[in-house]
Amino acid sequence: MEIHGEAIKELRTVSIEELDQNISELPLKIISRTKDIPFILVDADGNIKGSNNLDSIKENDPIYLKEQLAIMKSQNQPILVEYLGKTDYIYYRDSDLLDKLTYYPLAFLLILVLFLAVIYLFYSSNKAAETNKLWTGMAKETAHQIGTPLSSLLGWIEILKIENVNETYIKEIEKDVTRLNAIANRFSKIGSVPELKKENIVSISKHAFDYLESRSSKQIAFSFSTSDAEIYTNLNSELFGWVIENLIKNAIDAMLGKGQIDLKIENTAKKIKITVSDTGKGMPKKMFKQIFKPGFTTKKRGWGLGLSLSKRIVEDYHNGKIFVKKSEIDKGTTFVIYLNKM
């Protein structure tokens, strides 16, 4: 633009005859080839004398020219052009191409970040798929391995009945065998979409609750309450029973074998609400979401799978919601499950 200003100055100091004779000279070439940089020529009094390389439709609009002049004044110092005792100023701004190129590095970085994010997500999903496949395979193999001793135990139970062993003992053994069979069925269902049927959630929850109550410390007080005796929803009874057991087991561990566990089922206007509370050691708020991540555990010998499986069963298989409602250190924790009604 400085060279452009010098070219204007030189052309305006020569006569018409000299201009005709030197039409191919450098100053005229410079002016004719400045086609990218928008500029406005202003006299000493601030009046706009001319403009170039602006919007061809708007350049005759005085308001538009004043707006462009304000932008140019904010971007660059004017170029002084003095000739024949007159003083003019050239105001200019960056070309549209240069404006676009200014943002090119940002666009490039954004594309690079997106590209790296896609690679990372692909790698993570691939790794997660392999891990899920491994766990699914282990679960199904576990179910298969449990099946053989289960069959033998059923045979031994029949022998005990023939031998007239105390029926109370046999019934308790049958309960444990039935539970082992349920565990095998649960493991066999991991990795596949479970079948949901119309079930009474009260009876299923009560069954899991009673089983753990009968096999827990007598120093733990168990409380079960429900708003209705029958509340129906679409469930897989074996998997949902697993969720209740996981929550109660966690509560027992958190209380170190002594305290209070409350399970409450409410038939609300829109949802079924299941609340499991304990008087255990509690947890800080920052752990409310972490405890549902696979592998996260606060136990010395834990695998960190119980709550992550529970979350998957409730949210992925039953289209429900499970979360920590509240927890206080040394006061206890409350979990809430929401399920859809029939």
Protein backbone atom coordinates (compact mmCIF):
# COMPACT_ATOMS: atom_id res chain seq x y z
CA MET A 1 0.00 0.00 0.00
CA GLU A 2 2.97 2.35 0.58
CA ILE A 3 4.17 1.61 -2.95
CA HIS A 4 0.63 2.16 -4.17
CA GLY A 5 0.60 5.57 -2.46
CA GLU A 6 3.88 6.53 -4.09
CA ALA A 7 2.48 5.49 -7.45
CA ILE A 8 -0.57 7.75 -6.96
CA LYS A 9 1.71 10.60 -5.95
CA GLU A 10 3.93 10.20 -9.01
CA LEU A 11 1.03 9.94 -11.44
CA ARG A 12 -0.60 13.06 -10.06
CA THR A 13 2.56 15.12 -10.41
CA VAL A 14 2.98 14.48 -14.14
CA SER A 15 1.13 16.15 -16.98
CA ILE A 16 -1.37 14.46 -19.29
CA GLU A 17 1.22 14.47 -22.09
CA GLU A 18 3.81 12.79 -19.91
CA LEU A 19 1.21 10.26 -18.74
CA ASP A 20 0.34 9.34 -22.33
CA GLN A 21 4.01 8.93 -23.17
CA ASN A 22 4.71 6.74 -20.09
CA ILE A 23 1.52 4.65 -19.98
CA SER A 24 3.48 1.41 -19.58
CA GLU A 25 5.56 2.75 -16.71
CA LEU A 26 5.71 1.12 -13.29
CA PRO A 27 3.39 3.48 -11.29
CA LEU A 28 0.43 2.78 -13.57
CA LYS A 29 1.10 -0.96 -13.43
CA ILE A 30 1.17 -0.85 -9.63
CA ILE A 31 -2.18 0.94 -9.42
CA SER A 32 -3.85 -1.29 -12.01
CA ARG A 33 -2.74 -4.45 -10.24
CA THR A 34 -3.79 -3.54 -6.71
CA LYS A 35 -7.02 -5.52 -6.82
CA ASP A 36 -7.11 -7.37 -3.51
CA ILE A 37 -6.61 -4.82 -0.74
CA PRO A 38 -9.66 -2.64 -0.03
CA PHE A 39 -8.75 1.03 0.45
CA ILE A 40 -10.36 4.48 0.63
CA LEU A 41 -8.76 7.78 -0.42
CA VAL A 42 -9.52 10.70 1.95
CA ASP A 43 -8.53 14.36 1.69
CA ALA A 44 -7.03 16.50 4.44
CA ASP A 45 -10.52 17.50 5.66
CA GLY A 46 -11.62 13.87 6.07
CA ASN A 47 -13.83 13.77 2.98
CA ILE A 48 -13.91 10.52 1.03
CA LYS A 49 -12.56 11.12 -2.48
CA GLY A 50 -12.69 7.56 -3.77
CA SER A 51 -12.47 3.86 -2.96
CA ASN A 52 -11.35 0.63 -4.52
CA ASN A 53 -11.68 -3.14 -4.10
CA LEU A 54 -14.81 -2.85 -1.91
CA ASP A 55 -18.22 -4.42 -2.46
CA SER A 56 -19.21 -3.28 -5.96
CA ILE A 57 -22.88 -3.03 -4.96
CA LYS A 58 -22.42 -1.17 -1.68
CA GLU A 59 -19.47 1.09 -2.55
CA ASN A 60 -21.84 3.91 -3.62
CA ASP A 61 -23.56 3.85 -0.24
CA PRO A 62 -22.08 6.65 1.98
CA ILE A 63 -23.00 4.77 5.17
CA TYR A 64 -21.21 1.63 3.99
CA LEU A 65 -18.12 3.68 3.06
CA LYS A 66 -18.06 5.31 6.50
CA GLU A 67 -18.32 1.91 8.20
CA GLN A 68 -15.46 0.56 6.09
CA LEU A 69 -13.38 3.68 6.80
CA ALA A 70 -13.87 3.16 10.55
CA ILE A 71 -12.66 -0.46 10.21
CA MET A 72 -9.62 0.68 8.21
CA LYS A 73 -8.73 3.36 10.76
CA SER A 74 -8.83 0.74 13.53
CA GLN A 75 -6.55 -1.67 11.63
CA ASN A 76 -3.78 0.41 10.06
CA GLN A 77 -2.18 3.83 10.10
CA PRO A 78 -3.01 5.86 6.95
CA ILE A 79 -0.48 6.41 4.18
CA LEU A 80 0.27 10.07 3.50
CA VAL A 81 0.25 11.19 -0.15
CA GLU A 82 1.44 14.76 -0.84
CA TYR A 83 1.53 16.23 -4.34
CA LEU A 84 1.23 19.73 -5.87
CA GLY A 85 0.62 21.24 -2.46
CA LYS A 86 -2.26 18.84 -1.67
CA THR A 87 -2.45 16.23 1.06
CA ASP A 88 -4.43 13.00 0.84
CA TYR A 89 -4.58 9.88 2.98
CA ILE A 90 -4.99 6.26 1.96
CA TYR A 91 -6.81 4.13 4.54
CA TYR A 92 -6.79 0.37 3.98
CA ARG A 93 -7.59 -2.93 5.64
CA ASP A 94 -6.57 -6.54 5.20
CA SER A 95 -7.84 -8.29 2.11
CA ASP A 96 -10.66 -10.80 2.41
CA LEU A 97 -8.22 -13.57 1.53
CA LEU A 98 -5.86 -12.52 4.32
CA ASP A 99 -8.80 -12.49 6.77
CA LYS A 100 -9.63 -16.04 5.76
CA LEU A 101 -5.99 -17.13 6.05
CA THR A 102 -5.90 -15.70 9.58
CA TYR A 103 -8.41 -18.33 10.66
CA TYR A 104 -6.80 -21.12 8.67
CA PRO A 105 -4.47 -22.30 11.50
CA LEU A 106 -7.45 -22.45 13.89
CA ALA A 107 -9.48 -24.42 11.37
CA PHE A 108 -6.53 -26.71 10.78
CA LEU A 109 -6.07 -27.30 14.52
CA LEU A 110 -9.78 -27.99 14.91
CA ILE A 111 -9.69 -30.55 12.10
CA LEU A 112 -6.58 -32.12 13.65
CA VAL A 113 -8.24 -32.32 17.08
CA LEU A 114 -11.38 -33.87 15.57
CA PHE A 115 -9.26 -36.36 13.64
CA LEU A 116 -7.34 -37.35 16.78
CA ALA A 117 -10.61 -37.59 18.73
CA VAL A 118 -12.05 -39.95 16.11
CA ILE A 119 -8.92 -42.11 16.31
CA TYR A 120 -9.08 -42.13 20.12
CA LEU A 121 -12.79 -43.01 20.17
CA PHE A 122 -12.22 -45.77 17.62
CA TYR A 123 -9.36 -47.18 19.68
CA SER A 124 -11.33 -46.89 22.94
CA SER A 125 -14.45 -48.51 21.50
CA ASN A 126 -12.33 -51.27 19.98
CA LYS A 127 -10.64 -51.88 23.32
CA ALA A 128 -13.96 -51.74 25.18
CA ALA A 129 -15.46 -54.21 22.70
CA GLU A 130 -12.57 -56.61 23.28
CA THR A 131 -12.93 -56.24 27.07
CA ASN A 132 -16.69 -56.82 26.88
CA LYS A 133 -16.11 -59.86 24.72
CA LEU A 134 -13.63 -61.24 27.26
CA TRP A 135 -15.99 -60.66 30.20
CA THR A 136 -18.90 -62.15 28.29
CA GLY A 137 -16.86 -65.23 27.47
CA MET A 138 -15.75 -65.61 31.09
CA ALA A 139 -19.33 -65.22 32.34
CA LYS A 140 -20.70 -67.84 29.97
CA GLU A 141 -17.85 -70.22 30.81
CA THR A 142 -18.55 -69.70 34.53
CA ALA A 143 -22.22 -70.54 33.97
CA HIS A 144 -21.19 -73.68 32.10
CA GLN A 145 -18.76 -74.75 34.85
CA ILE A 146 -21.37 -74.23 37.60
CA GLY A 147 -23.86 -76.42 35.73
CA THR A 148 -22.00 -79.69 36.37
CA PRO A 149 -21.77 -79.55 40.20
CA LEU A 150 -25.33 -78.20 40.30
CA SER A 151 -26.63 -81.36 38.67
CA SER A 152 -24.73 -83.44 41.23
CA LEU A 153 -26.09 -81.39 44.13
CA LEU A 154 -29.65 -81.96 42.93
CA GLY A 155 -28.96 -85.68 42.95
CA TRP A 156 -27.53 -85.56 46.46
CA ILE A 157 -30.63 -83.68 47.68
CA GLU A 158 -32.83 -86.51 46.42
CA ILE A 159 -30.63 -89.02 48.26
CA LEU A 160 -30.92 -86.97 51.48
CA LYS A 161 -34.70 -87.05 51.15
CA ILE A 162 -34.65 -90.84 50.85
CA GLU A 163 -32.40 -91.04 53.93
CA ASN A 164 -35.03 -89.12 55.95
CA VAL A 165 -32.69 -86.24 56.81
CA ASN A 166 -34.26 -83.31 58.64
CA GLU A 167 -36.46 -81.50 56.10
CA THR A 168 -35.40 -78.07 57.39
CA TYR A 169 -31.82 -78.80 56.36
CA ILE A 170 -32.91 -80.07 52.97
CA LYS A 171 -35.04 -76.97 52.32
CA GLU A 172 -32.13 -74.67 53.15
CA ILE A 173 -29.84 -76.66 50.85
CA GLU A 174 -32.48 -76.46 48.11
CA LYS A 175 -32.61 -72.70 48.54
CA ASP A 176 -28.85 -72.45 48.03
CA VAL A 177 -28.96 -74.78 45.03
CA THR A 178 -31.79 -72.71 43.55
CA ARG A 179 -29.68 -69.61 44.09
CA LEU A 180 -26.68 -71.22 42.40
CA ASN A 181 -28.90 -72.08 39.48
CA ALA A 182 -30.09 -68.44 39.33
CA ILE A 183 -26.47 -67.24 39.39
CA ALA A 184 -25.60 -69.58 36.52
CA ASN A 185 -28.57 -68.25 34.54
CA ARG A 186 -27.51 -64.67 35.23
CA PHE A 187 -24.00 -65.27 33.95
CA SER A 188 -25.33 -67.06 30.89
CA LYS A 189 -27.45 -63.98 30.02
CA ILE A 190 -24.52 -61.53 30.07
CA GLY A 191 -23.77 -60.29 26.56
CA SER A 192 -27.21 -61.09 25.17
CA VAL A 193 -30.48 -59.14 25.23
CA PRO A 194 -32.57 -60.58 28.10
CA GLU A 195 -36.25 -61.46 27.75
CA LEU A 196 -38.54 -59.13 29.70
CA LYS A 197 -41.89 -60.33 31.02
CA LYS A 198 -44.71 -58.89 33.09
CA GLU A 199 -43.58 -59.46 36.68
CA ASN A 200 -44.53 -58.34 40.16
CA ILE A 201 -41.52 -56.30 41.24
CA VAL A 202 -42.55 -56.50 44.90
CA SER A 203 -42.31 -60.31 45.09
CA ILE A 204 -39.02 -60.41 43.13
CA SER A 205 -37.40 -57.77 45.35
CA LYS A 206 -38.75 -59.41 48.51
CA HIS A 207 -37.36 -62.80 47.49
CA ALA A 208 -33.83 -61.41 47.04
CA PHE A 209 -34.17 -59.32 50.21
CA ASP A 210 -35.30 -62.28 52.35
CA TYR A 211 -32.56 -64.56 51.08
CA LEU A 212 -29.79 -62.17 52.15
CA GLU A 213 -31.53 -61.32 55.43
CA SER A 214 -31.59 -64.98 56.45
CA ARG A 215 -27.85 -65.30 55.76
CA SER A 216 -26.61 -62.06 57.29
CA SER A 217 -25.50 -60.97 60.74
CA LYS A 218 -28.24 -60.75 63.34
CA GLN A 219 -26.82 -57.32 64.24
CA ILE A 220 -28.23 -55.93 61.01
CA ALA A 221 -31.86 -54.80 61.12
CA PHE A 222 -33.66 -55.39 57.80
CA SER A 223 -36.75 -53.39 56.87
CA PHE A 224 -38.90 -53.98 53.74
CA SER A 225 -41.90 -51.78 52.87
CA THR A 226 -44.07 -51.25 49.80
CA SER A 227 -47.00 -49.01 48.85
CA ASP A 228 -48.79 -51.91 47.12
CA ALA A 229 -48.60 -55.68 47.38
CA GLU A 230 -48.50 -56.00 43.60
CA ILE A 231 -46.74 -53.59 41.25
CA TYR A 232 -46.22 -54.90 37.74
CA THR A 233 -43.59 -53.96 35.17
CA ASN A 234 -41.60 -55.56 32.35
CA LEU A 235 -38.69 -57.33 34.02
CA ASN A 236 -36.15 -60.05 33.73
CA SER A 237 -36.59 -61.46 37.22
CA GLU A 238 -33.15 -63.10 37.49
CA LEU A 239 -31.21 -60.01 36.42
CA PHE A 240 -33.25 -57.56 38.48
CA GLY A 241 -32.93 -59.79 41.55
CA TRP A 242 -29.18 -59.52 40.99
CA VAL A 243 -29.43 -55.71 41.20
CA ILE A 244 -31.27 -55.86 44.55
CA GLU A 245 -28.73 -58.34 45.91
CA ASN A 246 -25.79 -56.17 44.80
CA LEU A 247 -27.21 -53.11 46.55
CA ILE A 248 -27.95 -55.01 49.76
CA LYS A 249 -24.51 -56.68 49.75
CA ASN A 250 -22.82 -53.31 49.32
CA ALA A 251 -24.88 -51.98 52.21
CA ILE A 252 -23.85 -54.94 54.41
CA ASP A 253 -20.17 -54.40 53.54
CA ALA A 254 -20.44 -50.64 54.19
CA MET A 255 -21.87 -51.28 57.67
CA LEU A 256 -19.26 -53.92 58.58
CA GLY A 257 -22.00 -56.32 59.67
CA LYS A 258 -23.88 -53.95 61.98
CA GLY A 259 -26.58 -51.35 61.23
CA GLN A 260 -29.89 -50.81 59.44
CA ILE A 261 -30.95 -51.61 55.85
CA ASP A 262 -34.22 -50.30 54.44
CA LEU A 263 -35.75 -51.27 51.11
CA LYS A 264 -38.82 -49.33 50.04
CA ILE A 265 -40.93 -49.72 46.88
CA GLU A 266 -43.30 -46.92 45.84
CA ASN A 267 -45.91 -46.96 43.09
CA THR A 268 -45.76 -43.28 42.03
CA ALA A 269 -47.87 -41.55 39.38
CA LYS A 270 -45.41 -42.13 36.53
CA LYS A 271 -42.67 -44.48 37.75
CA ILE A 272 -41.86 -47.29 40.14
CA LYS A 273 -39.40 -46.05 42.76
CA ILE A 274 -37.14 -48.45 44.67
CA THR A 275 -35.05 -46.99 47.50
CA VAL A 276 -32.26 -48.87 49.29
CA SER A 277 -30.76 -47.13 52.33
CA ASP A 278 -28.10 -48.14 54.84
CA THR A 279 -26.38 -46.70 57.91
CA GLY A 280 -22.86 -47.50 56.69
CA LYS A 281 -19.70 -45.47 56.26
CA GLY A 282 -21.05 -43.36 53.39
CA MET A 283 -19.03 -41.72 50.62
CA PRO A 284 -18.07 -38.22 49.37
CA LYS A 285 -20.18 -36.63 46.62
CA LYS A 286 -17.36 -36.87 44.06
CA MET A 287 -17.71 -40.67 44.16
CA PHE A 288 -21.45 -40.73 43.35
CA LYS A 289 -20.81 -41.41 39.63
CA GLN A 290 -17.43 -43.11 39.94
CA ILE A 291 -18.81 -46.11 41.84
CA PHE A 292 -20.77 -47.18 38.73
CA LYS A 293 -17.63 -47.36 36.57
CA PRO A 294 -16.28 -50.88 35.85
CA GLY A 295 -13.27 -51.67 38.01
CA PHE A 296 -13.83 -48.90 40.56
CA THR A 297 -14.04 -50.20 44.12
CA THR A 298 -13.27 -49.08 47.66
CA LYS A 299 -12.92 -52.67 48.91
CA LYS A 300 -9.53 -54.32 49.34
CA ARG A 301 -10.69 -57.50 47.59
CA GLY A 302 -13.37 -56.07 45.31
CA TRP A 303 -13.47 -56.28 41.52
CA GLY A 304 -15.63 -53.19 41.07
CA LEU A 305 -18.21 -54.99 38.90
CA GLY A 306 -21.35 -55.22 41.08
CA LEU A 307 -22.62 -51.66 40.69
CA SER A 308 -21.47 -51.34 37.07
CA LEU A 309 -23.45 -54.50 36.24
CA SER A 310 -26.43 -53.17 38.19
CA LYS A 311 -26.34 -49.93 36.21
CA ARG A 312 -26.19 -51.83 32.94
CA ILE A 313 -29.07 -54.11 33.95
CA VAL A 314 -31.29 -51.22 35.08
CA GLU A 315 -30.49 -48.65 32.38
CA ASP A 316 -29.56 -50.70 29.30
CA TYR A 317 -31.83 -53.72 29.73
CA HIS A 318 -34.80 -52.19 31.58
CA ASN A 319 -34.66 -48.60 30.33
CA GLY A 320 -34.64 -47.34 33.91
CA LYS A 321 -32.41 -45.16 36.06
CA ILE A 322 -30.15 -45.88 39.06
CA PHE A 323 -28.18 -43.31 41.03
CA VAL A 324 -26.96 -42.31 44.49
CA LYS A 325 -29.56 -39.98 45.96
CA LYS A 326 -27.55 -38.98 49.01
CA SER A 327 -24.65 -40.10 51.17
CA GLU A 328 -22.97 -38.78 54.29
CA ILE A 329 -19.71 -39.94 55.81
CA ASP A 330 -20.35 -42.28 58.78
CA LYS A 331 -24.13 -41.83 58.37
CA GLY A 332 -25.06 -43.93 55.38
CA THR A 333 -26.01 -44.02 51.70
CA THR A 334 -29.27 -44.07 49.77
CA PHE A 335 -29.61 -45.57 46.27
CA VAL A 336 -32.67 -44.95 44.10
CA ILE A 337 -33.94 -46.97 41.12
CA TYR A 338 -36.66 -45.73 38.76
CA LEU A 339 -38.43 -48.17 36.45
CA ASN A 340 -41.27 -47.72 33.98
CA LYS A 341 -44.72 -48.91 34.98
CA MET A 342 -46.76 -51.30 32.87
